[in-house]
């Protein structure tokens, strides 16, 4: 009968026999039949062989939700759409939806930026009052610490104003702290430091006098001292202090023209009237016709301004007792008082002589011949008390036009 294969060859048409001899197919492009099944590499080389791909999207502090093109599988291929959502406390900068384009780039660049500013709380500082004789107050506080609501990291803390521990002058001072986080958000707090200086109000300089004050002149604890120019004597308080009740101590001083009493009984009592007020230049001569005496008086009269500037009173003793005459300006001393003065200061009776006495009654220099006003003034200007006077006079603008 023959083999079954022979019978099959005789019965089937030639075309079918040809098909039966072809080996089994392993799939072809577009057939949908693939032995790789879910293998992504194989799938990409078939369905998306020539399709552009974008790099995967990663957004810090955000979430990405992507949709592949219709019928597609991969979420980074051409046409893929991705929605971007930022986490709480962050704000999206850029488009909320990205599309993978043919140039293999996403349609936009996005970031999730932290928008909530860092928090910082400033201290509260009470008003400060300066201590006596002080114009500033040292004020301290704890430096405030900022807190970031995202990652807790602060990059900068900036202070505007004087730092804690500084000496703050009188007034209202604004202090500001600013902190920044890594997203450059800033938090700010402000407070004020108020410093008050108790004051009594400015005092007036007495007419024909000086005033020298410590500290700022009218603040709590300041002391003002008063003195008068040559030829005037102080009446009232020589010094006044600004007290805590904002009132000045003592009474208001005045400078009255000096009134020399030549009716006293002793030379010591006469000199006491000049103590700490005036310097004395005592010019003694046995006769008014003495040439040295006349020349000396002539030179002194031409330097009257400089004599007054240095608080010098000229006392003349002319003649010999009992015809001795003492003169202080326009006032005449009794002969007995003039004689006592000569004896007290050991002034020669029968020759020309001069004695310079300072404000403390000390015999500073003696002359037996003429002395120029310049030499006399140069000596007086070396006295410690005179140096203080010169400073005050310079401040007051007092000077002689010579």
Protein backbone atom coordinates (compact mmCIF):
# COMPACT_ATOMS: atom_id res chain seq x y z
CA UNK A 1 0.00 0.00 0.00
CA UNK A 2 2.93 2.37 0.48
CA UNK A 3 3.88 4.68 3.36
CA UNK A 4 1.50 7.36 4.83
CA UNK A 5 3.79 10.14 3.64
CA UNK A 6 3.52 8.93 0.10
CA UNK A 7 -0.26 8.87 0.23
CA UNK A 8 -0.28 12.43 1.69
CA UNK A 9 1.92 13.73 -1.10
CA UNK A 10 -0.39 12.29 -3.68
CA UNK A 11 -3.58 13.67 -2.12
CA UNK A 12 -2.54 17.31 -1.11
CA UNK A 13 -1.97 20.15 -3.59
CA UNK A 14 1.64 21.19 -4.23
CA UNK A 15 1.26 24.64 -2.50
CA UNK A 16 0.18 23.12 0.78
CA UNK A 17 3.06 20.72 0.67
CA UNK A 18 5.44 23.69 0.29
CA UNK A 19 3.99 25.42 3.35
CA UNK A 20 4.30 22.31 5.46
CA UNK A 21 8.02 22.16 4.72
CA UNK A 22 8.73 25.78 6.07
CA UNK A 23 10.13 25.78 9.67
CA UNK A 24 7.89 27.26 12.45
CA UNK A 25 8.09 31.13 12.64
CA UNK A 26 9.42 32.94 15.77
CA UNK A 27 7.40 36.17 15.10
CA UNK A 28 7.83 39.25 12.91
CA UNK A 29 7.54 43.02 13.40
CA UNK A 30 3.97 44.05 13.96
CA UNK A 31 2.67 40.57 14.50
CA UNK A 32 2.26 40.99 18.24
CA UNK A 33 3.79 37.61 18.72
CA UNK A 34 7.04 37.69 20.62
CA UNK A 35 8.74 35.04 22.68
CA UNK A 36 10.26 37.85 24.85
CA UNK A 37 6.83 38.55 26.27
CA UNK A 38 7.44 41.23 28.99
CA UNK A 39 11.17 41.62 28.44
CA UNK A 40 11.58 45.45 28.28
CA UNK A 41 14.78 45.43 26.26
CA UNK A 42 13.32 43.31 23.55
CA UNK A 43 10.12 45.34 23.60
CA UNK A 44 12.02 48.59 23.21
CA UNK A 45 13.87 47.27 20.21
CA UNK A 46 10.67 46.27 18.52
CA UNK A 47 7.83 48.68 19.25
CA UNK A 48 10.05 51.78 20.13
CA UNK A 49 13.09 50.98 18.05
CA UNK A 50 13.24 54.48 16.49
CA UNK A 51 11.39 56.43 19.22
CA UNK A 52 13.20 59.32 21.11
CA UNK A 53 13.56 58.84 24.86
CA UNK A 54 13.79 61.50 27.64
CA UNK A 55 15.77 61.03 30.82
CA UNK A 56 13.75 59.98 33.89
CA UNK A 57 12.29 62.88 35.90
CA UNK A 58 13.33 63.39 39.49
CA UNK A 59 12.01 66.39 41.42
CA UNK A 60 13.44 67.02 44.87
CA UNK A 61 10.70 67.61 47.45
CA UNK A 62 8.09 66.65 44.83
CA UNK A 63 6.26 63.69 43.31
CA UNK A 64 6.01 62.78 39.60
CA UNK A 65 3.02 61.04 37.97
CA UNK A 66 3.64 60.05 34.31
CA UNK A 67 1.36 58.64 31.59
CA UNK A 68 2.79 56.90 28.52
CA UNK A 69 1.29 57.57 25.06
CA UNK A 70 -1.88 55.63 24.23
CA UNK A 71 -1.02 51.99 23.83
CA UNK A 72 2.49 52.60 25.13
CA UNK A 73 4.27 51.09 28.06
CA UNK A 74 7.31 53.25 28.87
CA UNK A 75 6.94 56.56 30.73
CA UNK A 76 9.96 58.34 29.28
CA UNK A 77 9.20 57.88 25.59
CA UNK A 78 8.11 60.51 23.09
CA UNK A 79 4.76 61.98 24.02
CA UNK A 80 4.86 60.91 27.65
CA UNK A 81 3.10 63.39 29.95
CA UNK A 82 4.15 63.83 33.57
CA UNK A 83 2.27 65.75 36.27
CA UNK A 84 4.42 67.38 38.99
CA UNK A 85 3.20 67.94 42.53
CA UNK A 86 5.26 69.51 45.30
CA UNK A 87 5.11 68.38 48.87
CA UNK A 88 3.60 70.45 51.66
CA UNK A 89 5.53 73.63 52.36
CA UNK A 90 7.01 73.75 48.86
CA UNK A 91 5.89 75.64 45.79
CA UNK A 92 6.23 74.54 42.18
CA UNK A 93 8.36 76.74 39.94
CA UNK A 94 7.74 75.83 36.30
CA UNK A 95 4.99 73.97 34.46
CA UNK A 96 2.86 71.51 36.38
CA UNK A 97 2.85 69.13 33.38
CA UNK A 98 5.88 68.08 31.34
CA UNK A 99 5.89 66.41 27.91
CA UNK A 100 8.72 64.38 26.44
CA UNK A 101 9.61 66.05 23.14
CA UNK A 102 11.27 64.82 19.96
CA UNK A 103 14.56 66.50 20.95
CA UNK A 104 14.74 64.06 23.86
CA UNK A 105 14.09 66.88 26.35
CA UNK A 106 11.17 67.57 28.61
CA UNK A 107 9.06 70.62 27.77
CA UNK A 108 10.14 72.59 30.88
CA UNK A 109 12.41 72.59 33.90
CA UNK A 110 10.77 72.49 37.29
CA UNK A 111 11.81 72.67 40.94
CA UNK A 112 9.92 72.50 44.21
CA UNK A 113 11.02 75.50 46.21
CA UNK A 114 10.55 75.81 49.93
CA UNK A 115 8.41 78.91 50.47
CA UNK A 116 7.66 79.01 54.20
CA UNK A 117 10.12 81.40 55.84
CA UNK A 118 12.19 80.37 58.85
CA UNK A 119 10.92 81.46 62.23
CA UNK A 120 12.81 83.67 64.67
CA UNK A 121 11.68 85.34 67.90
CA UNK A 122 13.43 88.41 69.30
CA UNK A 123 13.80 89.18 73.01
CA UNK A 124 12.04 91.99 74.83
CA UNK A 125 14.38 94.53 76.42
CA UNK A 126 13.10 96.98 79.03
CA UNK A 127 14.02 100.66 79.11
CA UNK A 128 17.40 101.28 80.72
CA UNK A 129 18.41 104.36 82.73
CA UNK A 130 22.01 105.58 82.78
CA UNK A 131 23.86 105.60 86.09
CA UNK A 132 25.16 108.85 87.65
CA UNK A 133 27.78 110.59 85.50
CA UNK A 134 27.16 108.07 82.70
CA UNK A 135 25.79 108.75 79.23
CA UNK A 136 25.62 105.13 78.07
CA UNK A 137 24.23 101.86 79.36
CA UNK A 138 25.65 98.40 78.71
CA UNK A 139 22.77 96.27 77.42
CA UNK A 140 22.91 92.50 76.87
CA UNK A 141 20.44 89.89 75.66
CA UNK A 142 20.45 86.31 74.43
CA UNK A 143 20.96 86.07 70.69
CA UNK A 144 17.72 84.73 69.17
CA UNK A 145 17.87 81.41 67.35
CA UNK A 146 16.02 80.81 64.10
CA UNK A 147 14.22 77.60 63.18
CA UNK A 148 13.60 76.37 59.65
CA UNK A 149 10.32 74.55 59.05
CA UNK A 150 11.74 72.35 56.27
CA UNK A 151 15.12 70.80 56.98
CA UNK A 152 16.13 72.88 60.00
CA UNK A 153 19.21 74.26 58.27
CA UNK A 154 19.84 78.03 58.27
CA UNK A 155 22.56 79.51 56.10
CA UNK A 156 22.86 83.07 57.43
CA UNK A 157 21.96 85.06 60.55
CA UNK A 158 22.38 88.81 60.05
CA UNK A 159 22.26 91.45 62.81
CA UNK A 160 21.40 95.05 62.04
CA UNK A 161 22.27 97.37 64.93
CA UNK A 162 24.60 97.21 67.90
CA UNK A 163 25.40 93.69 69.16
CA UNK A 164 24.49 92.53 72.68
CA UNK A 165 26.90 93.69 75.36
CA UNK A 166 27.43 97.08 73.69
CA UNK A 167 27.27 100.45 75.43
CA UNK A 168 24.15 102.11 74.08
CA UNK A 169 23.97 105.93 74.12
CA UNK A 170 20.88 107.89 75.01
CA UNK A 171 17.99 107.34 72.61
CA UNK A 172 15.83 104.72 70.92
CA UNK A 173 17.81 102.03 69.11
CA UNK A 174 16.33 99.62 66.55
CA UNK A 175 17.72 96.07 66.53
CA UNK A 176 16.86 93.59 63.76
CA UNK A 177 17.77 89.95 63.24
CA UNK A 178 17.31 88.27 59.84
CA UNK A 179 17.79 84.56 59.10
CA UNK A 180 17.87 82.73 55.75
CA UNK A 181 17.25 79.10 54.91
CA UNK A 182 18.81 77.18 52.06
CA UNK A 183 15.95 78.19 49.76
CA UNK A 184 16.82 81.86 50.46
CA UNK A 185 13.59 82.45 52.36
CA UNK A 186 14.10 84.91 55.16
CA UNK A 187 12.61 85.43 58.57
CA UNK A 188 12.94 88.70 60.47
CA UNK A 189 12.28 89.94 63.99
CA UNK A 190 12.77 93.41 65.44
CA UNK A 191 12.94 95.01 68.87
CA UNK A 192 14.05 98.30 70.40
CA UNK A 193 16.56 99.22 73.06
CA UNK A 194 15.64 102.48 74.78
CA UNK A 195 18.21 104.26 76.92
CA UNK A 196 17.26 107.27 79.02
CA UNK A 197 19.61 109.74 80.69
CA UNK A 198 18.17 111.72 83.59
CA UNK A 199 18.74 115.44 83.06
CA UNK A 200 18.29 118.54 85.18
CA UNK A 201 18.44 121.05 82.34
CA UNK A 202 21.33 123.28 81.35
CA UNK A 203 22.63 125.95 83.73
CA UNK A 204 23.58 129.44 82.61
CA UNK A 205 27.08 130.85 82.88
CA UNK A 206 27.03 133.75 85.35
CA UNK A 207 27.74 137.14 83.86
CA UNK A 208 31.42 138.04 84.30
CA UNK A 209 32.14 134.46 85.28
CA UNK A 210 32.99 130.94 84.17
CA UNK A 211 31.24 127.61 84.41
CA UNK A 212 32.94 124.23 84.10
CA UNK A 213 30.80 121.09 84.14
CA UNK A 214 31.63 117.40 84.25
CA UNK A 215 30.12 114.70 82.04
CA UNK A 216 27.48 116.16 79.68
CA UNK A 217 26.79 119.23 81.79
CA UNK A 218 23.23 118.50 82.88
CA UNK A 219 22.92 114.73 83.31
CA UNK A 220 22.31 113.00 86.63
CA UNK A 221 25.51 113.21 88.70
CA UNK A 222 27.11 116.02 86.68
CA UNK A 223 28.83 118.76 88.68
CA UNK A 224 29.15 122.37 87.54
CA UNK A 225 31.74 124.65 89.15
CA UNK A 226 31.64 128.44 88.93
CA UNK A 227 34.24 131.19 89.14
CA UNK A 228 34.42 134.87 88.30
CA UNK A 229 36.74 136.92 86.14
CA UNK A 230 39.25 139.30 87.70
CA UNK A 231 37.71 142.06 89.74
CA UNK A 232 34.54 140.08 90.54
CA UNK A 233 33.72 137.75 93.38
CA UNK A 234 31.37 134.81 93.45
CA UNK A 235 28.13 134.96 95.37
CA UNK A 236 26.02 131.83 95.72
CA UNK A 237 27.04 128.19 95.35
CA UNK A 238 30.53 127.65 93.90
CA UNK A 239 29.42 124.20 92.67
CA UNK A 240 26.07 122.56 91.88
CA UNK A 241 25.22 118.89 91.32
CA UNK A 242 22.41 117.42 89.20
CA UNK A 243 20.45 115.19 91.59
CA UNK A 244 18.30 112.12 91.00
CA UNK A 245 15.11 114.19 91.43
CA UNK A 246 16.22 116.20 88.36
CA UNK A 247 16.91 119.33 90.45
CA UNK A 248 20.20 121.17 90.92
CA UNK A 249 21.71 121.40 94.38
CA UNK A 250 22.67 124.75 95.92
CA UNK A 251 21.69 128.22 94.75
CA UNK A 252 22.27 130.10 91.54
CA UNK A 253 25.67 131.83 91.55
CA UNK A 254 26.38 135.39 90.47
CA UNK A 255 29.56 137.39 89.99
CA UNK A 256 29.52 140.75 91.75
CA UNK A 257 32.15 143.45 91.47
CA UNK A 258 34.77 142.94 94.17
CA UNK A 259 34.45 145.45 96.99
CA UNK A 260 37.71 145.71 98.92
CA UNK A 261 37.30 146.80 102.51
CA UNK A 262 40.26 149.00 103.44
CA UNK A 263 38.80 149.68 106.87
CA UNK A 264 40.00 146.39 108.34
CA UNK A 265 42.35 146.57 111.31
CA UNK A 266 45.11 144.18 110.23
CA UNK A 267 47.11 143.48 107.09
CA UNK A 268 46.20 139.79 107.36
CA UNK A 269 42.50 140.67 107.22
CA UNK A 270 43.18 142.80 104.16
CA UNK A 271 44.98 139.94 102.37
CA UNK A 272 42.23 137.46 103.27
CA UNK A 273 39.83 139.37 101.04
CA UNK A 274 41.93 138.37 98.02
CA UNK A 275 42.40 134.72 98.98
CA UNK A 276 41.64 132.43 96.00
CA UNK A 277 40.25 135.43 94.13
CA UNK A 278 43.08 137.73 93.04
CA UNK A 279 46.85 137.88 92.72
CA UNK A 280 48.57 140.91 94.21
CA UNK A 281 51.45 142.93 92.80
CA UNK A 282 52.57 145.23 95.62
CA UNK A 283 54.66 148.18 94.43
CA UNK A 284 56.50 150.01 97.23
CA UNK A 285 58.50 153.22 97.02
CA UNK A 286 59.79 155.69 99.65
CA UNK A 287 58.66 158.63 97.53
CA UNK A 288 56.33 159.26 94.61
CA UNK A 289 59.19 160.96 92.76
CA UNK A 290 61.16 157.70 92.54
CA UNK A 291 62.03 157.15 88.87
CA UNK A 292 61.75 153.35 89.00
CA UNK A 293 58.32 153.66 90.58
CA UNK A 294 57.07 156.08 87.94
CA UNK A 295 58.42 154.03 85.04
CA UNK A 296 57.02 150.81 86.46
CA UNK A 297 53.53 152.26 86.92
CA UNK A 298 53.61 153.58 83.37
CA UNK A 299 54.34 150.10 81.97
CA UNK A 300 51.67 148.47 84.12
CA UNK A 301 49.01 150.98 83.11
CA UNK A 302 49.59 150.12 79.44
CA UNK A 303 49.11 146.42 80.23
CA UNK A 304 45.88 146.79 82.20
CA UNK A 305 43.97 144.25 80.07
CA UNK A 306 46.62 141.58 80.62
CA UNK A 307 46.63 142.35 84.35
CA UNK A 308 42.86 141.82 84.51
CA UNK A 309 43.12 138.66 82.41
CA UNK A 310 45.53 137.25 85.01
CA UNK A 311 43.48 138.48 87.96
CA UNK A 312 46.20 140.83 89.21
CA UNK A 313 45.43 143.70 91.57
CA UNK A 314 48.11 146.37 91.92
CA UNK A 315 48.64 147.69 95.46
CA UNK A 316 50.72 150.86 95.85
CA UNK A 317 52.61 151.72 99.03
CA UNK A 318 54.05 155.24 98.69
CA UNK A 319 56.03 157.18 101.28
CA UNK A 320 57.38 156.53 104.75
CA UNK A 321 55.30 156.36 107.92
CA UNK A 322 53.64 158.51 109.19
CA UNK A 323 53.15 160.01 105.71
CA UNK A 324 52.80 156.56 104.18
CA UNK A 325 49.85 156.12 101.81
CA UNK A 326 48.42 152.82 100.62
CA UNK A 327 46.24 152.69 97.51
CA UNK A 328 44.19 149.92 95.85
CA UNK A 329 42.68 151.41 92.75
CA UNK A 330 40.65 154.38 93.96
CA UNK A 331 40.60 153.26 97.59
CA UNK A 332 43.07 154.68 100.11
CA UNK A 333 44.38 152.63 103.04
CA UNK A 334 45.10 154.19 106.42
CA UNK A 335 48.85 154.74 107.03
CA UNK A 336 48.86 152.21 109.88
CA UNK A 337 47.37 149.48 107.66
CA UNK A 338 49.87 150.27 104.88
CA UNK A 339 52.74 150.03 107.38
CA UNK A 340 51.46 146.66 108.65
CA UNK A 341 51.41 145.35 105.10
CA UNK A 342 55.03 146.42 104.56
CA UNK A 343 56.12 144.79 107.78
CA UNK A 344 54.10 141.59 107.19
CA UNK A 345 55.65 141.04 103.77
CA UNK A 346 59.09 142.35 104.86
CA UNK A 347 59.18 145.04 102.20
CA UNK A 348 62.10 147.52 102.44
CA UNK A 349 61.03 150.94 103.73
CA UNK A 350 63.55 153.16 101.94
CA UNK A 351 63.99 151.65 98.47
CA UNK A 352 61.93 150.69 95.45
CA UNK A 353 60.63 147.13 95.65
CA UNK A 354 57.86 144.87 94.28
CA UNK A 355 56.34 141.65 95.63
CA UNK A 356 54.17 139.19 93.65
CA UNK A 357 51.66 137.27 95.81
CA UNK A 358 49.56 134.43 94.36
CA UNK A 359 45.91 133.62 95.07
CA UNK A 360 46.84 131.49 98.07
CA UNK A 361 48.76 134.31 99.77
CA UNK A 362 52.18 132.91 98.86
CA UNK A 363 55.13 135.20 98.13
CA UNK A 364 56.08 134.07 94.59
CA UNK A 365 58.65 136.64 93.42
CA UNK A 366 60.41 139.86 94.50
CA UNK A 367 61.86 142.62 92.33
CA UNK A 368 64.19 145.48 93.25
CA UNK A 369 64.34 146.96 89.76
CA UNK A 370 62.09 147.40 86.77
CA UNK A 371 60.37 144.33 85.31
CA UNK A 372 58.64 144.29 81.96
CA UNK A 373 55.00 143.21 81.85
CA UNK A 374 55.95 140.40 79.44
CA UNK A 375 58.43 138.92 81.91
CA UNK A 376 55.91 139.27 84.72
CA UNK A 377 53.13 137.59 82.74
CA UNK A 378 55.37 134.77 81.53
CA UNK A 379 56.15 133.91 85.14
CA UNK A 380 52.51 134.00 86.22
CA UNK A 381 51.47 131.82 83.27
CA UNK A 382 53.60 129.00 84.70
CA UNK A 383 51.49 128.78 87.87
CA UNK A 384 49.29 125.62 87.92
CA UNK A 385 46.15 127.56 88.80
CA UNK A 386 46.84 130.04 86.03
CA UNK A 387 47.06 127.20 83.49
CA UNK A 388 43.54 126.11 84.45
CA UNK A 389 42.36 129.69 84.06
CA UNK A 390 43.90 129.89 80.61
CA UNK A 391 41.91 126.85 79.47
CA UNK A 392 38.66 128.36 80.70
CA UNK A 393 39.43 131.73 79.15
CA UNK A 394 40.22 130.09 75.83
CA UNK A 395 36.87 128.29 75.93
CA UNK A 396 35.12 131.57 76.72
CA UNK A 397 37.06 133.43 74.03
CA UNK A 398 38.60 135.88 76.49
CA UNK A 399 41.85 137.47 75.33
CA UNK A 400 43.61 140.81 75.05
CA UNK A 401 44.28 142.44 71.70
CA UNK A 402 47.97 143.03 72.23
